Amino acid sequence: MLENSLLHPEATPLLSEAEIEGAEINGFDVAGIIGYRFYQITQEIFMQYKDDLMVKEITYLAPAVWGSQGQGELSALQKEIHARLVPFINDLTDIFEAMQPNNLSKAQQYVTGYVIRELLISKLTYMIEMYKNQCVNKKVEEDPLLLLLKHVDTWGEA
């Protein structure tokens, strides 16, 4: 079932198995746990891989979160990111399942996974783009003439 170490970094159970499997789950508590874990996992992924992700197209991240590229195979970095996210996604799906009295249907499981993955993609891409902007703004503060490069038109052929 749930690995409580993934719900809380110190492995202190925030929800016991009885609370999870019983109907007495406070939605606000669960939302707090989920929000904290989203914050934690996105921070971990961003901090560990930001140097690599900064030089990739922003679309590079979605296949890593989904674990699928459509055409071709995932890169080693994408596979590594995906492997870090799978336990988190599975834990959240387990929480949603436990809150549903009759468990989730296959369609509900897919929808839950979809929402989790899309939120991860949104949070991580936001962090990456914000970091890129901060880096650019810092460079512009150091040398304001760099801002003029944004408006340069090229002439002729080289």
Protein backbone atom coordinates (compact mmCIF):
# COMPACT_ATOMS: atom_id res chain seq x y z
CA MET A 1 0.00 0.00 0.00
CA LEU A 2 1.44 3.41 0.92
CA GLU A 3 5.05 3.87 1.77
CA ASN A 4 4.86 6.43 4.56
CA SER A 5 8.47 7.42 3.97
CA LEU A 6 7.30 8.96 0.71
CA LEU A 7 4.56 10.89 2.47
CA HIS A 8 7.00 12.40 4.91
CA PRO A 9 10.78 12.60 4.54
CA GLU A 10 11.53 11.58 8.13
CA ALA A 11 9.41 8.43 7.66
CA THR A 12 7.05 9.60 10.40
CA PRO A 13 3.62 8.48 9.24
CA LEU A 14 1.34 11.45 8.74
CA LEU A 15 -1.52 9.07 8.02
CA SER A 16 -1.67 5.63 9.54
CA GLU A 17 -2.81 2.68 7.46
CA ALA A 18 -5.99 2.57 9.58
CA GLU A 19 -6.71 6.24 8.89
CA ILE A 20 -6.05 5.78 5.21
CA GLU A 21 -8.24 2.70 4.90
CA GLY A 22 -10.93 4.01 7.25
CA ALA A 23 -13.54 6.53 6.17
CA GLU A 24 -12.45 9.11 8.77
CA ILE A 25 -9.98 10.99 6.63
CA ASN A 26 -9.97 14.75 6.96
CA GLY A 27 -9.78 16.18 3.45
CA PHE A 28 -7.91 19.25 4.64
CA ASP A 29 -5.21 17.10 6.25
CA VAL A 30 -4.85 15.00 3.12
CA ALA A 31 -4.70 18.15 0.95
CA GLY A 32 -1.95 19.51 3.21
CA ILE A 33 0.05 16.30 2.86
CA ILE A 34 -0.40 16.23 -0.90
CA GLY A 35 0.54 19.90 -1.23
CA TYR A 36 3.64 19.40 0.89
CA ARG A 37 4.73 16.35 -1.12
CA PHE A 38 4.17 18.16 -4.44
CA TYR A 39 6.32 21.01 -3.17
CA GLN A 40 8.98 18.62 -1.90
CA ILE A 41 9.23 16.40 -5.00
CA THR A 42 9.25 19.33 -7.44
CA GLN A 43 11.97 21.06 -5.39
CA GLU A 44 14.04 17.87 -5.31
CA ILE A 45 13.71 17.26 -9.05
CA PHE A 46 14.39 20.89 -9.90
CA MET A 47 17.43 21.22 -7.64
CA GLN A 48 18.97 17.96 -8.82
CA TYR A 49 18.39 18.43 -12.55
CA LYS A 50 18.13 22.21 -13.09
CA ASP A 51 21.48 22.52 -14.88
CA ASP A 52 20.45 19.85 -17.39
CA LEU A 53 16.87 21.07 -17.75
CA MET A 54 17.93 24.69 -18.29
CA VAL A 55 19.52 23.83 -21.64
CA LYS A 56 16.72 21.56 -22.87
CA GLU A 57 13.53 22.58 -24.63
CA ILE A 58 10.72 22.99 -22.13
CA THR A 59 8.90 20.12 -23.86
CA TYR A 60 11.71 17.78 -22.76
CA LEU A 61 10.13 17.41 -19.32
CA ALA A 62 6.70 16.02 -20.23
CA PRO A 63 7.97 12.66 -21.56
CA ALA A 64 10.10 12.33 -18.42
CA VAL A 65 7.04 12.74 -16.20
CA TRP A 66 4.89 10.42 -18.32
CA GLY A 67 7.64 7.86 -18.93
CA SER A 68 6.86 7.78 -22.62
CA GLN A 69 7.98 9.74 -25.63
CA GLY A 70 5.63 8.51 -28.34
CA GLN A 71 8.34 8.07 -30.94
CA GLY A 72 11.78 6.97 -29.89
CA GLU A 73 13.15 6.15 -26.50
CA LEU A 74 13.55 8.36 -23.46
CA SER A 75 17.01 9.72 -22.75
CA ALA A 76 18.88 8.49 -19.67
CA LEU A 77 18.03 11.75 -17.89
CA GLN A 78 14.33 11.42 -18.70
CA LYS A 79 14.33 7.84 -17.44
CA GLU A 80 16.05 8.93 -14.23
CA ILE A 81 13.52 11.71 -13.60
CA HIS A 82 10.66 9.33 -14.36
CA ALA A 83 12.01 6.73 -11.92
CA ARG A 84 12.11 9.39 -9.18
CA LEU A 85 8.50 10.41 -9.83
CA VAL A 86 6.84 6.97 -10.13
CA PRO A 87 6.74 6.23 -6.36
CA PHE A 88 5.28 9.67 -5.69
CA ILE A 89 2.59 9.24 -8.36
CA ASN A 90 1.75 5.76 -7.07
CA ASP A 91 1.47 7.01 -3.48
CA LEU A 92 -0.91 9.79 -4.47
CA THR A 93 -3.00 7.37 -6.48
CA ASP A 94 -3.14 5.09 -3.41
CA ILE A 95 -4.34 8.01 -1.27
CA PHE A 96 -7.10 8.83 -3.75
CA GLU A 97 -8.04 5.16 -3.93
CA ALA A 98 -8.22 4.88 -0.14
CA MET A 99 -10.52 7.90 0.01
CA GLN A 100 -12.89 6.29 -2.48
CA PRO A 101 -15.09 3.75 -0.66
CA ASN A 102 -15.32 1.32 -3.59
CA ASN A 103 -11.82 1.97 -4.91
CA LEU A 104 -11.14 3.62 -8.23
CA SER A 105 -12.12 2.19 -11.57
CA LYS A 106 -9.43 1.92 -14.25
CA ALA A 107 -10.75 5.12 -15.85
CA GLN A 108 -10.64 6.97 -12.51
CA GLN A 109 -7.10 5.70 -11.90
CA TYR A 110 -6.04 7.02 -15.30
CA VAL A 111 -7.68 10.40 -14.67
CA THR A 112 -6.02 10.63 -11.25
CA GLY A 113 -2.62 9.81 -12.75
CA TYR A 114 -3.23 12.29 -15.56
CA VAL A 115 -4.02 15.14 -13.16
CA ILE A 116 -1.00 14.31 -10.99
CA ARG A 117 1.36 14.19 -13.98
CA GLU A 118 0.04 17.35 -15.57
CA LEU A 119 0.38 19.21 -12.27
CA LEU A 120 3.97 17.97 -11.94
CA ILE A 121 4.73 19.15 -15.47
CA SER A 122 3.16 22.55 -14.78
CA LYS A 123 4.99 23.09 -11.50
CA LEU A 124 8.36 21.97 -12.85
CA THR A 125 8.16 23.93 -16.11
CA TYR A 126 7.14 27.02 -14.15
CA MET A 127 10.16 26.60 -11.87
CA ILE A 128 12.51 26.11 -14.82
CA GLU A 129 11.22 29.15 -16.70
CA MET A 130 11.26 31.29 -13.56
CA TYR A 131 14.86 30.28 -12.93
CA LYS A 132 15.81 31.08 -16.54
CA ASN A 133 14.22 34.52 -16.19
CA GLN A 134 16.04 35.17 -12.93
CA CYS A 135 19.34 34.25 -14.58
CA VAL A 136 18.65 36.58 -17.51
CA ASN A 137 17.56 39.41 -15.21
CA LYS A 138 20.73 39.03 -13.15
CA LYS A 139 22.87 39.21 -16.30
CA VAL A 140 20.97 42.31 -17.48
CA GLU A 141 21.52 43.97 -14.10
CA GLU A 142 25.24 43.29 -14.46
CA ASP A 143 25.32 44.56 -18.05
CA PRO A 144 22.21 46.53 -19.16
CA LEU A 145 23.44 46.54 -22.78
CA LEU A 146 22.51 42.85 -22.98
CA LEU A 147 18.87 43.92 -22.98
CA LEU A 148 19.48 45.68 -26.30
CA LEU A 149 20.45 42.35 -27.92
CA LYS A 150 16.83 41.33 -27.66
CA HIS A 151 15.92 44.04 -30.18
CA VAL A 152 18.75 43.59 -32.68
CA ASP A 153 17.78 42.94 -36.29
CA THR A 154 20.31 41.20 -38.46
CA TRP A 155 21.13 42.63 -41.88
CA GLY A 156 22.70 40.96 -44.84
CA GLU A 157 24.01 37.46 -45.14
CA ALA A 158 26.89 35.84 -43.41
